[in-house]
């Protein structure tokens, strides 16, 4: 579960932690507009909904990879 949280936090979608890096890469005016956008409640709900729907696609292959690394030769699929 912690590997899923680490990956989700790197995704630059609000309310995930990766969204805080976007203003560092754009101009001051665009950063202000971006911050206004991401602090609106409907956009936060959208980010949570997307993270909820995408988490299975991200978590399952990573979980399988770590299980196969922990138990080499077992051939979990």
Protein backbone atom coordinates (compact mmCIF):
# COMPACT_ATOMS: atom_id res chain seq x y z
CA UNK A 1 0.00 0.00 0.00
CA UNK A 2 2.87 2.39 0.73
CA UNK A 3 4.26 1.97 -2.80
CA UNK A 4 0.88 3.03 -4.17
CA UNK A 5 0.91 6.14 -2.01
CA UNK A 6 4.42 7.04 -3.14
CA UNK A 7 3.45 6.77 -6.80
CA UNK A 8 0.18 8.64 -6.36
CA UNK A 9 1.96 11.47 -4.56
CA UNK A 10 4.23 11.98 -7.57
CA UNK A 11 1.32 12.47 -9.98
CA UNK A 12 0.87 16.19 -10.64
CA UNK A 13 -2.91 16.19 -10.11
CA UNK A 14 -4.49 18.03 -7.23
CA UNK A 15 -4.99 17.15 -4.39
CA UNK A 16 -1.92 14.91 -4.71
CA UNK A 17 1.47 16.21 -3.56
CA UNK A 18 2.94 16.29 -7.07
CA UNK A 19 0.65 19.19 -7.93
CA UNK A 20 2.79 21.50 -5.78
CA UNK A 21 5.68 21.27 -8.26
CA UNK A 22 3.75 22.77 -11.19
CA UNK A 23 3.93 26.43 -9.99
CA UNK A 24 7.71 26.13 -9.77
CA UNK A 25 7.90 25.49 -13.50
CA UNK A 26 5.63 28.25 -14.86
CA UNK A 27 5.54 32.05 -14.75
CA UNK A 28 4.25 33.92 -11.71
CA UNK A 29 0.97 34.86 -13.41
CA UNK A 30 0.26 31.31 -14.52
CA UNK A 31 1.28 29.99 -11.11
CA UNK A 32 -1.28 32.28 -9.46
CA UNK A 33 -4.01 31.17 -11.84
CA UNK A 34 -3.05 27.53 -11.30
CA UNK A 35 -3.16 27.91 -7.52
CA UNK A 36 -6.60 29.52 -7.72
CA UNK A 37 -7.79 26.62 -9.84
CA UNK A 38 -6.45 23.81 -7.69
CA UNK A 39 -7.78 25.25 -4.45
CA UNK A 40 -11.36 25.21 -5.73
CA UNK A 41 -13.36 22.39 -4.14
CA UNK A 42 -14.73 20.92 -7.37
CA UNK A 43 -11.24 20.47 -8.77
CA UNK A 44 -10.10 18.70 -5.60
CA UNK A 45 -13.02 16.31 -5.91
CA UNK A 46 -12.04 15.63 -9.51
CA UNK A 47 -8.47 14.79 -8.46
CA UNK A 48 -9.67 12.39 -5.76
CA UNK A 49 -12.06 10.72 -8.22
CA UNK A 50 -9.33 10.27 -10.85
CA UNK A 51 -6.90 8.88 -8.25
CA UNK A 52 -9.56 6.44 -7.05
CA UNK A 53 -10.26 5.16 -10.57
CA UNK A 54 -6.60 4.97 -11.66
CA UNK A 55 -5.21 3.37 -8.48
CA UNK A 56 -6.07 -0.21 -9.53
CA UNK A 57 -4.25 0.18 -12.84
CA UNK A 58 -1.19 1.55 -11.05
CA UNK A 59 -1.21 -0.59 -7.91
CA UNK A 60 -1.81 -4.08 -9.35
CA UNK A 61 1.28 -4.28 -11.61
CA UNK A 62 3.52 -2.70 -8.97
CA UNK A 63 2.20 -5.03 -6.28
CA UNK A 64 2.81 -8.04 -8.55
CA UNK A 65 6.33 -6.82 -9.31
CA UNK A 66 7.21 -6.53 -5.62
CA UNK A 67 5.70 -9.94 -4.81
CA UNK A 68 7.79 -11.51 -7.59
CA UNK A 69 10.89 -9.71 -6.30
CA UNK A 70 10.26 -10.96 -2.76
CA UNK A 71 9.57 -14.52 -3.89
CA UNK A 72 11.75 -15.18 -6.95
CA UNK A 73 10.93 -18.31 -8.89
CA UNK A 74 7.39 -18.57 -7.52
CA UNK A 75 5.96 -17.19 -10.75
CA UNK A 76 3.05 -15.19 -9.42
CA UNK A 77 0.94 -13.79 -12.23
